[in-house]
Structures are given as C-alpha cells and as structure tokens.
Amino acid sequence: MTMPCFIFVEPSSDGWIVRGDFRGGPLQFATGARAEQAARDLAHRLADAGEPVVLEIRLRDGARAGRFLFPPHGAQTGAALARRA
C-alpha cells in the first residue's frame, strides 16, 4: 500500500500557504479560498496520477476546518471524488 501524500492549507503572516509532500514547495496565496482551490486542484492531479492524497484545511485560528481523502484514480468505480474524513 502506498503512503498518502499530505497537503495542508493554513494561514501565514502574509495570507495563506499550501504546503506538503509535493514538489514545488510551499505555495503562497492572498486568500484562503484561492489556497484551498489550488490545494484541491493539486490533490486531484496527484490522485489522477495514482497517488493517494490527504488534504487538511486549517482556519485562521489553527483549528481544523476539514480533512479530505482523495483516493488514487481507478481505486474505486466512478470518478475519484474527494471524501470527507
């Protein structure tokens, strides 16, 4: 079984950051919405390439807003859709 790639969306001093186990290291965004969308797009691309992904989104106060699992494409019947964990 392949270890999942972890992606985190969290606040930074200048806005929002997307960081994790992916190339291209932390990505900076002005808004949380843009950071979250970029993280979801990245998670879908990695899942389509066969990587299981765990996406964790944090609120401004550091509390966890959501955790989403993206199974590798083809691991289930139908499209590889995010499931809330």
N, C-alpha and C. Protein backbone atom coordinates (compact mmCIF):
# COMPACT_ATOMS: atom_id res chain seq x y z
N MET A 1 0.84 -1.19 0.00
CA MET A 1 0.00 0.00 0.00
C MET A 1 0.88 1.25 0.00
N THR A 2 0.54 2.21 -0.82
CA THR A 2 1.29 3.45 -0.95
C THR A 2 0.92 4.42 0.16
N MET A 3 1.94 5.06 0.73
CA MET A 3 1.68 6.09 1.74
C MET A 3 1.06 7.31 1.06
N PRO A 4 0.08 7.93 1.71
CA PRO A 4 -0.55 9.09 1.08
C PRO A 4 0.36 10.32 1.09
N CYS A 5 0.10 11.17 0.14
CA CYS A 5 0.72 12.49 0.09
C CYS A 5 -0.14 13.41 0.95
N PHE A 6 0.47 14.17 1.83
CA PHE A 6 -0.28 15.10 2.68
C PHE A 6 -0.12 16.52 2.15
N ILE A 7 -1.26 17.22 2.07
CA ILE A 7 -1.28 18.62 1.65
C ILE A 7 -2.02 19.40 2.73
N PHE A 8 -1.45 20.53 3.13
CA PHE A 8 -2.04 21.37 4.17
C PHE A 8 -2.30 22.77 3.64
N VAL A 9 -3.45 23.33 3.98
CA VAL A 9 -3.77 24.73 3.71
C VAL A 9 -3.86 25.40 5.08
N GLU A 10 -3.04 26.43 5.28
CA GLU A 10 -3.02 27.08 6.59
C GLU A 10 -2.66 28.56 6.45
N PRO A 11 -3.03 29.33 7.47
CA PRO A 11 -2.72 30.76 7.41
C PRO A 11 -1.22 31.00 7.56
N SER A 12 -0.78 32.10 6.98
CA SER A 12 0.61 32.55 7.14
C SER A 12 0.57 34.04 7.48
N SER A 13 1.72 34.60 7.73
CA SER A 13 1.76 36.03 8.09
C SER A 13 1.31 36.93 6.94
N ASP A 14 1.45 36.46 5.68
CA ASP A 14 1.08 37.28 4.50
C ASP A 14 -0.21 36.83 3.83
N GLY A 15 -0.89 35.85 4.35
CA GLY A 15 -2.09 35.35 3.69
C GLY A 15 -2.30 33.88 4.01
N TRP A 16 -2.19 33.04 2.97
CA TRP A 16 -2.42 31.60 3.13
C TRP A 16 -1.34 30.83 2.39
N ILE A 17 -1.02 29.66 2.90
CA ILE A 17 0.03 28.84 2.33
C ILE A 17 -0.49 27.42 2.09
N VAL A 18 -0.03 26.82 1.00
CA VAL A 18 -0.29 25.41 0.71
C VAL A 18 1.07 24.73 0.78
N ARG A 19 1.19 23.75 1.68
CA ARG A 19 2.45 23.04 1.84
C ARG A 19 2.17 21.56 1.94
N GLY A 20 3.21 20.77 1.79
CA GLY A 20 3.02 19.33 1.92
C GLY A 20 4.08 18.53 1.21
N ASP A 21 3.73 17.26 0.95
CA ASP A 21 4.64 16.29 0.34
C ASP A 21 4.56 16.35 -1.18
N PHE A 22 4.82 17.49 -1.76
CA PHE A 22 4.76 17.62 -3.22
C PHE A 22 5.90 18.53 -3.67
N ARG A 23 6.27 18.37 -4.92
CA ARG A 23 7.33 19.21 -5.49
C ARG A 23 6.81 20.61 -5.69
N GLY A 24 7.69 21.57 -5.64
CA GLY A 24 7.29 22.94 -5.88
C GLY A 24 7.02 23.68 -4.58
N GLY A 25 7.33 23.03 -3.48
CA GLY A 25 7.24 23.51 -2.12
C GLY A 25 6.42 24.72 -1.85
N PRO A 26 6.27 25.18 -0.66
CA PRO A 26 5.08 25.94 -0.27
C PRO A 26 4.64 26.98 -1.30
N LEU A 27 3.33 27.03 -1.48
CA LEU A 27 2.71 27.98 -2.41
C LEU A 27 2.00 29.04 -1.58
N GLN A 28 2.17 30.30 -1.92
CA GLN A 28 1.60 31.41 -1.18
C GLN A 28 0.39 31.99 -1.91
N PHE A 29 -0.68 32.31 -1.17
CA PHE A 29 -1.89 32.89 -1.75
C PHE A 29 -2.40 34.02 -0.86
N ALA A 30 -3.06 34.99 -1.49
CA ALA A 30 -3.60 36.13 -0.74
C ALA A 30 -4.85 35.76 0.05
N THR A 31 -5.64 34.80 -0.46
CA THR A 31 -6.89 34.45 0.22
C THR A 31 -6.94 32.94 0.49
N GLY A 32 -7.70 32.59 1.51
CA GLY A 32 -7.90 31.19 1.85
C GLY A 32 -8.63 30.44 0.75
N ALA A 33 -9.57 31.11 0.11
CA ALA A 33 -10.34 30.46 -0.96
C ALA A 33 -9.43 30.06 -2.12
N ARG A 34 -8.52 30.95 -2.50
CA ARG A 34 -7.59 30.62 -3.60
C ARG A 34 -6.64 29.51 -3.20
N ALA A 35 -6.17 29.54 -1.96
CA ALA A 35 -5.28 28.49 -1.46
C ALA A 35 -6.00 27.14 -1.45
N GLU A 36 -7.23 27.14 -0.96
CA GLU A 36 -8.00 25.89 -0.91
C GLU A 36 -8.25 25.34 -2.31
N GLN A 37 -8.61 26.19 -3.26
CA GLN A 37 -8.86 25.72 -4.62
C GLN A 37 -7.59 25.16 -5.25
N ALA A 38 -6.48 25.84 -5.04
CA ALA A 38 -5.21 25.35 -5.58
C ALA A 38 -4.84 24.00 -4.96
N ALA A 39 -5.08 23.85 -3.67
CA ALA A 39 -4.78 22.59 -2.98
C ALA A 39 -5.68 21.46 -3.50
N ARG A 40 -6.95 21.75 -3.71
CA ARG A 40 -7.87 20.73 -4.24
C ARG A 40 -7.47 20.34 -5.67
N ASP A 41 -7.11 21.32 -6.48
CA ASP A 41 -6.66 21.03 -7.85
C ASP A 41 -5.42 20.13 -7.83
N LEU A 42 -4.47 20.47 -6.96
CA LEU A 42 -3.25 19.68 -6.82
C LEU A 42 -3.59 18.26 -6.35
N ALA A 43 -4.48 18.14 -5.37
CA ALA A 43 -4.87 16.82 -4.86
C ALA A 43 -5.50 15.98 -5.96
N HIS A 44 -6.36 16.58 -6.77
CA HIS A 44 -6.97 15.85 -7.88
C HIS A 44 -5.93 15.40 -8.89
N ARG A 45 -4.96 16.27 -9.22
CA ARG A 45 -3.91 15.90 -10.17
C ARG A 45 -3.07 14.74 -9.64
N LEU A 46 -2.71 14.80 -8.36
CA LEU A 46 -1.92 13.72 -7.76
C LEU A 46 -2.71 12.41 -7.73
N ALA A 47 -3.99 12.50 -7.37
CA ALA A 47 -4.84 11.30 -7.34
C ALA A 47 -4.99 10.71 -8.74
N ASP A 48 -5.14 11.57 -9.74
CA ASP A 48 -5.22 11.10 -11.13
C ASP A 48 -3.94 10.40 -11.57
N ALA A 49 -2.81 10.80 -10.95
CA ALA A 49 -1.52 10.18 -11.27
C ALA A 49 -1.27 8.93 -10.44
N GLY A 50 -2.24 8.53 -9.60
CA GLY A 50 -2.11 7.30 -8.84
C GLY A 50 -1.67 7.47 -7.40
N GLU A 51 -1.56 8.71 -6.92
CA GLU A 51 -1.14 8.97 -5.54
C GLU A 51 -2.35 9.17 -4.64
N PRO A 52 -2.43 8.45 -3.51
CA PRO A 52 -3.48 8.78 -2.55
C PRO A 52 -3.10 10.09 -1.86
N VAL A 53 -4.09 10.95 -1.60
CA VAL A 53 -3.83 12.28 -1.03
C VAL A 53 -4.74 12.53 0.16
N VAL A 54 -4.18 13.14 1.19
CA VAL A 54 -4.95 13.64 2.33
C VAL A 54 -4.77 15.16 2.33
N LEU A 55 -5.87 15.87 2.23
CA LEU A 55 -5.87 17.34 2.24
C LEU A 55 -6.46 17.80 3.56
N GLU A 56 -5.70 18.60 4.29
CA GLU A 56 -6.18 19.14 5.56
C GLU A 56 -6.20 20.66 5.47
N ILE A 57 -7.33 21.25 5.83
CA ILE A 57 -7.52 22.69 5.75
C ILE A 57 -7.68 23.24 7.16
N ARG A 58 -6.91 24.28 7.46
CA ARG A 58 -6.94 24.91 8.77
C ARG A 58 -7.60 26.29 8.69
N LEU A 59 -8.24 26.68 9.78
CA LEU A 59 -8.83 28.01 9.91
C LEU A 59 -7.75 29.00 10.36
N ARG A 60 -8.08 30.26 10.35
CA ARG A 60 -7.13 31.30 10.75
C ARG A 60 -6.63 31.07 12.18
N ASP A 61 -7.48 30.53 13.07
CA ASP A 61 -7.06 30.29 14.46
C ASP A 61 -6.31 28.96 14.64
N GLY A 62 -6.09 28.23 13.54
CA GLY A 62 -5.34 26.97 13.60
C GLY A 62 -6.21 25.74 13.76
N ALA A 63 -7.50 25.92 14.03
CA ALA A 63 -8.40 24.77 14.16
C ALA A 63 -8.59 24.10 12.81
N ARG A 64 -8.83 22.80 12.83
CA ARG A 64 -9.03 22.07 11.58
C ARG A 64 -10.42 22.35 11.04
N ALA A 65 -10.49 22.84 9.81
CA ALA A 65 -11.77 23.13 9.15
C ALA A 65 -12.28 21.92 8.39
N GLY A 66 -11.37 21.10 7.89
CA GLY A 66 -11.78 19.92 7.14
C GLY A 66 -10.60 19.06 6.79
N ARG A 67 -10.90 17.79 6.57
CA ARG A 67 -9.90 16.82 6.14
C ARG A 67 -10.54 15.99 5.04
N PHE A 68 -9.89 15.93 3.89
CA PHE A 68 -10.45 15.28 2.72
C PHE A 68 -9.49 14.22 2.19
N LEU A 69 -10.05 13.09 1.80
CA LEU A 69 -9.26 12.00 1.24
C LEU A 69 -9.52 11.92 -0.26
N PHE A 70 -8.45 11.82 -1.02
CA PHE A 70 -8.52 11.68 -2.47
C PHE A 70 -7.87 10.34 -2.82
N PRO A 71 -8.66 9.31 -3.06
CA PRO A 71 -8.07 8.01 -3.40
C PRO A 71 -7.42 8.06 -4.77
N PRO A 72 -6.45 7.19 -5.02
CA PRO A 72 -5.83 7.15 -6.34
C PRO A 72 -6.89 6.86 -7.40
N HIS A 73 -6.78 7.50 -8.53
CA HIS A 73 -7.74 7.31 -9.61
C HIS A 73 -7.79 5.84 -10.00
N GLY A 74 -9.02 5.33 -10.13
CA GLY A 74 -9.18 3.93 -10.51
C GLY A 74 -9.27 3.01 -9.31
N ALA A 75 -9.06 3.54 -8.08
CA ALA A 75 -9.14 2.71 -6.88
C ALA A 75 -10.58 2.33 -6.59
N GLN A 76 -11.53 3.10 -7.12
CA GLN A 76 -12.95 2.82 -6.94
C GLN A 76 -13.63 2.92 -8.29
N THR A 77 -14.83 2.41 -8.37
CA THR A 77 -15.58 2.61 -9.60
C THR A 77 -16.05 4.06 -9.63
N GLY A 78 -16.13 4.62 -10.77
CA GLY A 78 -16.56 6.01 -10.90
C GLY A 78 -15.37 6.94 -10.78
N ALA A 79 -15.67 8.23 -10.76
CA ALA A 79 -14.63 9.26 -10.69
C ALA A 79 -13.98 9.28 -9.31
N ALA A 80 -12.74 9.73 -9.27
CA ALA A 80 -12.04 9.85 -7.99
C ALA A 80 -12.49 11.13 -7.31
N LEU A 81 -13.52 11.02 -6.51
CA LEU A 81 -14.07 12.19 -5.84
C LEU A 81 -13.54 12.28 -4.42
N ALA A 82 -13.41 13.49 -3.92
CA ALA A 82 -12.94 13.69 -2.54
C ALA A 82 -14.01 13.19 -1.58
N ARG A 83 -13.55 12.53 -0.54
CA ARG A 83 -14.46 12.11 0.52
C ARG A 83 -14.04 12.78 1.80
N ARG A 84 -15.01 13.23 2.54
CA ARG A 84 -14.72 13.89 3.79
C ARG A 84 -14.35 12.86 4.84
N ALA A 85 -13.28 13.11 5.58
CA ALA A 85 -12.83 12.16 6.61
C ALA A 85 -13.14 12.68 7.99
